[in-house]
Amino acid sequence: MKVSLRLLTLFSLCSLIACNQNSGETWNQETASVSRVINGSPVSRDTYESKSVVLIELMDARGLLLAFCTGTIVSPKFVLTAGHCFDTNLIAGVARSNIVFDTVYDFRRLKTSTVKNSVRGGNAMKHPEYNKEGQWDHDAALLPIKGAIPAGFGPVVLDDNKYANYEGQRVTIYGFGRSQNYTGVIGEDFYQYIGTLRRGTLTVDNLYNQYQDRYYTVAGSSQQLCQGDSGGPQFLTSKNGSVKQVGINSAVEGPKLPNGIGSCYGPAHATKVAFMYDWIQKQIK
């Protein structure tokens, strides 16, 4: 059996989102699949694209951390992330958000958000066709930045080529998710291996044009997306060295493990940025 896992890290629910167990302290095991890049390399903010990646805290009205996602700065005033990070059917009670610019995020110590290197997020806007025709459709959202971006951070170039075919291309993936897959053991520590920005590489599969709004990457790589990586970017580097964001981390379809958690090893898919481009530009201008 395969379970479709979102890469959100929830702390009361889960998907490729990352989740906090401080309140209620339960994980939605069907959806727990967003996390740090498995077997990825820690990031030192030494590249153009790494200086655009941020962590998004999702909190309740008391300031209690419920979940976090990864996102990308696409303008001085907006972060691009996954639509499911702001899906109230997945995460209930979100009242506010923070955009965090740290590279290592220790959420275990956070009963409430106390990160200094952060700014407030505004009211997120999901793509109008999010989940309109089925799960994972148009999985994109924009989060307003209610403050100044720190020095050294900045927006990336977005793919606007709807007619491109990237099958077989290597993409660089980023995320704050798990760096190790789940063991499947009952009672395993879901907090392990999460919260450090990492990068890895995946290969786009040969069915790139099968779906208009998303693409899959080849399963079987030692590097993979996992819980906490939801909303993170996938970058393509051209032969001349230019870099653009072509994808948004969305979900992994891995087999169900003995403890009910979905494995992070399985086909992963990303939202195509080019097919979100017109909507993004309309919102950020």
Protein backbone atom coordinates (compact mmCIF):
# COMPACT_ATOMS: atom_id res chain seq x y z
CA MET A 1 0.00 0.00 0.00
CA LYS A 2 1.27 3.46 -0.86
CA VAL A 3 0.38 6.51 1.20
CA SER A 4 0.54 9.99 -0.31
CA LEU A 5 2.51 12.08 2.13
CA ARG A 6 2.64 15.81 2.19
CA LEU A 7 5.99 17.24 3.14
CA LEU A 8 4.60 19.57 5.77
CA THR A 9 5.84 19.27 9.35
CA LEU A 10 2.88 19.55 11.69
CA PHE A 11 3.03 19.62 15.40
CA SER A 12 -0.54 18.50 15.88
CA LEU A 13 -1.13 17.09 12.38
CA CYS A 14 1.36 16.06 9.72
CA SER A 15 2.19 15.74 6.03
CA LEU A 16 5.32 16.91 4.06
CA ILE A 17 4.52 19.57 6.63
CA ALA A 18 6.30 19.31 9.98
CA CYS A 19 4.18 19.07 13.12
CA ASN A 20 4.63 20.06 16.74
CA GLN A 21 3.50 17.67 19.43
CA ASN A 22 3.47 20.34 22.14
CA SER A 23 -0.31 20.77 21.92
CA GLY A 24 -2.22 17.53 21.85
CA GLU A 25 1.12 15.92 20.97
CA THR A 26 -0.31 13.63 18.31
CA TRP A 27 0.80 13.08 14.73
CA ASN A 28 -1.55 12.44 11.86
CA GLN A 29 0.35 9.40 10.64
CA GLU A 30 -1.45 9.24 7.31
CA THR A 31 -0.08 12.61 6.26
CA ALA A 32 3.29 12.85 8.00
CA SER A 33 5.80 13.26 5.21
CA VAL A 34 7.26 16.73 5.04
CA SER A 35 10.73 17.16 6.42
CA ARG A 36 14.39 17.74 5.82
CA VAL A 37 16.02 16.47 2.67
CA ILE A 38 17.02 12.83 3.34
CA ASN A 39 20.80 12.39 3.00
CA GLY A 40 21.06 16.02 1.90
CA SER A 41 24.00 18.28 2.65
CA PRO A 42 23.71 21.02 5.31
CA VAL A 43 23.47 24.46 3.74
CA SER A 44 25.80 27.35 4.58
CA ARG A 45 23.92 29.98 2.53
CA ASP A 46 26.78 30.07 0.05
CA THR A 47 24.77 30.08 -3.18
CA TYR A 48 22.34 32.45 -4.84
CA GLU A 49 19.44 30.06 -4.45
CA SER A 50 20.17 29.13 -0.82
CA LYS A 51 19.81 32.81 0.14
CA SER A 52 16.15 32.67 -0.85
CA VAL A 53 15.02 29.69 1.27
CA VAL A 54 13.14 30.31 4.52
CA LEU A 55 11.20 28.40 7.17
CA ILE A 56 7.54 29.23 7.79
CA GLU A 57 6.19 28.83 11.33
CA LEU A 58 2.45 28.25 11.62
CA MET A 59 1.06 29.18 15.06
CA ASP A 60 -2.21 29.35 16.92
CA ALA A 61 -3.65 32.47 18.57
CA ARG A 62 -1.54 31.89 21.70
CA GLY A 63 1.68 31.75 19.72
CA LEU A 64 1.98 27.98 20.08
CA LEU A 65 3.78 26.35 17.17
CA LEU A 66 1.48 24.01 15.24
CA ALA A 67 3.54 23.23 12.15
CA PHE A 68 6.23 24.46 9.82
CA CYS A 69 6.93 24.45 6.11
CA THR A 70 9.73 25.58 3.82
CA GLY A 71 9.36 28.45 1.35
CA THR A 72 11.19 30.65 -1.14
CA ILE A 73 11.48 34.43 -1.32
CA VAL A 74 10.10 35.47 -4.72
CA SER A 75 9.89 39.23 -4.15
CA PRO A 76 10.80 41.60 -1.30
CA LYS A 77 7.23 41.19 -0.05
CA PHE A 78 6.26 37.55 -0.76
CA VAL A 79 7.28 33.96 -0.05
CA LEU A 80 6.20 31.11 -2.34
CA THR A 81 5.29 27.81 -0.67
CA ALA A 82 2.86 24.88 -0.93
CA GLY A 83 -0.88 25.45 -0.80
CA HIS A 84 -1.40 22.58 1.62
CA CYS A 85 0.67 24.43 4.24
CA PHE A 86 -2.39 26.68 4.63
CA ASP A 87 -5.07 24.02 4.20
CA THR A 88 -7.36 24.20 7.24
CA ASN A 89 -8.39 20.59 6.65
CA LEU A 90 -4.80 19.60 7.41
CA ILE A 91 -3.90 22.18 10.05
CA ALA A 92 -6.66 23.58 12.24
CA GLY A 93 -6.31 26.68 14.37
CA VAL A 94 -3.58 28.55 12.52
CA ALA A 95 -3.93 32.22 13.47
CA ARG A 96 -0.58 33.66 12.40
CA SER A 97 2.74 32.86 10.83
CA ASN A 98 6.39 33.82 11.04
CA ILE A 99 9.01 33.76 8.30
CA VAL A 100 12.30 32.53 9.78
CA PHE A 101 15.69 33.20 8.21
CA ASP A 102 17.78 30.88 10.40
CA THR A 103 19.59 27.91 8.85
CA VAL A 104 19.16 25.65 11.90
CA TYR A 105 15.80 25.70 13.65
CA ASP A 106 15.47 24.12 17.11
CA PHE A 107 11.72 23.71 17.43
CA ARG A 108 12.01 21.44 20.49
CA ARG A 109 12.68 24.46 22.69
CA LEU A 110 9.74 26.44 21.32
CA LYS A 111 6.65 26.29 23.48
CA THR A 112 5.88 29.57 21.78
CA SER A 113 7.77 31.14 18.93
CA THR A 114 10.85 32.98 20.21
CA VAL A 115 12.98 33.09 17.07
CA LYS A 116 14.56 36.54 16.72
CA ASN A 117 15.72 36.25 13.11
CA SER A 118 12.19 36.36 11.73
CA VAL A 119 9.39 38.61 10.49
CA ARG A 120 5.64 38.21 10.59
CA GLY A 121 3.72 36.69 7.72
CA GLY A 122 0.47 38.15 6.39
CA ASN A 123 -2.67 36.42 5.15
CA ALA A 124 -1.63 33.59 2.84
CA MET A 125 -3.23 33.20 -0.58
CA LYS A 126 -3.64 29.67 -1.94
CA HIS A 127 -3.82 29.21 -5.70
CA PRO A 128 -7.51 29.54 -6.69
CA GLU A 129 -7.47 26.05 -8.24
CA TYR A 130 -5.85 24.36 -5.24
CA ASN A 131 -7.38 20.86 -4.89
CA LYS A 132 -10.15 21.85 -7.30
CA GLU A 133 -9.96 18.65 -9.34
CA GLY A 134 -8.29 16.36 -6.82
CA GLN A 135 -5.60 16.01 -4.21
CA TRP A 136 -2.37 17.98 -4.79
CA ASP A 137 -3.83 20.09 -7.64
CA HIS A 138 -2.15 23.50 -8.02
CA ASP A 139 -0.38 23.06 -4.68
CA ALA A 140 0.95 26.60 -4.32
CA ALA A 141 0.49 29.56 -1.98
CA LEU A 142 1.92 33.03 -1.47
CA LEU A 143 2.66 34.41 2.00
CA PRO A 144 3.09 38.19 2.39
CA ILE A 145 6.23 39.32 4.24
CA LYS A 146 5.24 41.91 6.87
CA GLY A 147 8.70 43.36 7.38
CA ALA A 148 12.14 43.75 5.87
CA ILE A 149 14.18 40.84 4.52
CA PRO A 150 17.56 40.57 6.30
CA ALA A 151 20.71 41.55 4.44
CA GLY A 152 22.05 38.67 2.36
CA PHE A 153 18.62 37.28 1.48
CA GLY A 154 16.72 37.93 -1.72
CA PRO A 155 14.28 36.63 -4.34
CA VAL A 156 15.00 34.03 -6.99
CA VAL A 157 14.13 33.87 -10.67
CA LEU A 158 10.98 31.86 -11.40
CA ASP A 159 10.45 29.57 -14.37
CA ASP A 160 7.93 31.01 -16.83
CA ASN A 161 8.36 28.52 -19.68
CA LYS A 162 5.14 26.51 -19.89
CA TYR A 163 6.37 24.69 -22.98
CA ALA A 164 9.62 23.36 -21.53
CA ASN A 165 10.19 19.66 -20.98
CA TYR A 166 12.59 19.01 -18.11
CA GLU A 167 12.43 15.21 -18.15
CA GLY A 168 15.79 13.71 -17.23
CA GLN A 169 17.06 17.00 -15.79
CA ARG A 170 18.66 17.15 -12.36
CA VAL A 171 17.02 19.55 -9.92
CA THR A 172 18.45 20.85 -6.66
CA ILE A 173 16.01 20.49 -3.77
CA TYR A 174 15.95 22.41 -0.48
CA GLY A 175 14.06 21.90 2.75
CA PHE A 176 14.08 21.96 6.55
CA GLY A 177 12.61 18.44 6.73
CA ARG A 178 13.90 15.11 7.97
CA SER A 179 17.39 14.03 6.98
CA GLN A 180 16.61 10.36 7.71
CA ASN A 181 13.62 8.24 6.71
CA TYR A 182 11.22 6.90 9.32
CA THR A 183 12.17 3.52 10.79
CA GLY A 184 8.61 2.24 11.08
CA VAL A 185 9.23 1.25 14.71
CA ILE A 186 6.34 1.86 17.10
CA GLY A 187 7.11 4.82 19.35
CA GLU A 188 9.93 6.26 17.23
CA ASP A 189 10.94 9.87 17.87
CA PHE A 190 9.38 11.97 15.12
CA TYR A 191 11.36 15.00 16.27
CA GLN A 192 14.66 13.47 15.20
CA TYR A 193 16.56 14.68 12.15
CA ILE A 194 14.40 17.73 11.55
CA GLY A 195 14.92 21.50 11.39
CA THR A 196 18.23 21.97 9.54
CA LEU A 197 18.20 23.42 6.03
CA ARG A 198 19.64 20.88 3.62
CA ARG A 199 19.93 20.43 -0.11
CA GLY A 200 20.10 17.44 -2.42
CA THR A 201 19.46 16.49 -6.02
CA LEU A 202 16.71 14.53 -7.75
CA THR A 203 16.04 13.63 -11.38
CA VAL A 204 12.82 14.64 -13.14
CA ASP A 205 11.09 11.53 -14.52
CA ASN A 206 10.15 10.94 -18.15
CA LEU A 207 6.48 11.80 -17.70
CA TYR A 208 7.04 15.54 -17.24
CA ASN A 209 4.28 16.49 -19.65
CA GLN A 210 1.69 14.05 -18.28
CA TYR A 211 0.35 16.61 -15.80
CA GLN A 212 -0.05 20.31 -16.43
CA ASP A 213 0.38 21.50 -12.86
CA ARG A 214 2.98 19.07 -11.44
CA TYR A 215 5.85 16.73 -12.24
CA TYR A 216 7.35 13.66 -10.60
CA THR A 217 10.95 12.86 -9.76
CA VAL A 218 12.55 9.45 -10.17
CA ALA A 219 12.10 7.16 -7.16
CA GLY A 220 15.02 5.17 -5.79
CA SER A 221 17.51 7.96 -5.18
CA SER A 222 19.39 7.93 -1.87
CA GLN A 223 18.31 11.55 -1.46
CA GLN A 224 14.62 12.26 -1.04
CA LEU A 225 12.08 14.70 0.31
CA CYS A 226 10.44 14.07 3.66
CA GLN A 227 8.44 15.68 6.45
CA GLY A 228 9.17 19.41 6.73
CA ASP A 229 10.18 19.97 3.10
CA SER A 230 6.68 21.02 1.98
CA GLY A 231 6.77 24.25 0.03
CA GLY A 232 10.51 24.17 -0.50
CA PRO A 233 12.04 24.93 -3.89
CA GLN A 234 13.39 22.80 -6.70
CA PHE A 235 15.97 24.64 -8.81
CA LEU A 236 17.27 23.98 -12.30
CA THR A 237 20.71 25.22 -13.35
CA SER A 238 21.24 25.85 -17.06
CA LYS A 239 24.42 25.15 -19.00
CA ASN A 240 25.37 28.81 -18.75
CA GLY A 241 25.04 28.69 -14.95
CA SER A 242 21.76 30.58 -14.58
CA VAL A 243 19.41 29.26 -11.90
CA LYS A 244 15.62 29.33 -11.74
CA GLN A 245 12.98 27.76 -9.53
CA VAL A 246 11.01 25.20 -11.52
CA GLY A 247 9.18 23.34 -8.75
CA ILE A 248 7.59 23.53 -5.29
CA ASN A 249 7.93 20.48 -3.02
CA SER A 250 4.47 18.94 -2.67
CA ALA A 251 4.20 15.27 -1.64
CA VAL A 252 5.79 11.82 -1.55
CA GLU A 253 3.93 8.59 -2.31
CA GLY A 254 5.78 6.00 -0.25
CA PRO A 255 4.70 2.62 1.17
CA LYS A 256 3.10 2.47 4.58
CA LEU A 257 5.49 1.40 7.35
CA PRO A 258 4.56 -0.95 10.26
CA ASN A 259 3.81 1.94 12.62
CA GLY A 260 1.41 3.56 10.14
CA ILE A 261 3.78 6.29 8.98
CA GLY A 262 4.36 6.60 5.26
CA SER A 263 7.91 6.08 4.08
CA CYS A 264 9.63 9.06 2.50
CA TYR A 265 11.12 6.76 -0.13
CA GLY A 266 8.75 6.75 -3.06
CA PRO A 267 7.71 8.83 -6.06
CA ALA A 268 7.75 12.51 -5.13
CA HIS A 269 6.00 15.27 -6.97
CA ALA A 270 6.40 19.01 -7.22
CA THR A 271 4.17 21.81 -8.41
CA LYS A 272 5.28 23.31 -11.73
CA VAL A 273 6.23 26.94 -11.13
CA ALA A 274 5.76 27.86 -14.80
CA PHE A 275 2.05 27.04 -14.61
CA MET A 276 1.72 29.13 -11.43
CA TYR A 277 3.76 32.02 -12.88
CA ASP A 278 0.95 34.25 -14.17
CA TRP A 279 -0.96 33.94 -10.91
CA ILE A 280 2.19 34.65 -8.88
CA GLN A 281 3.03 37.76 -10.87
CA LYS A 282 -0.51 39.07 -10.57
CA GLN A 283 -0.39 38.74 -6.78
CA ILE A 284 3.07 40.16 -6.10
CA LYS A 285 2.82 43.27 -8.30
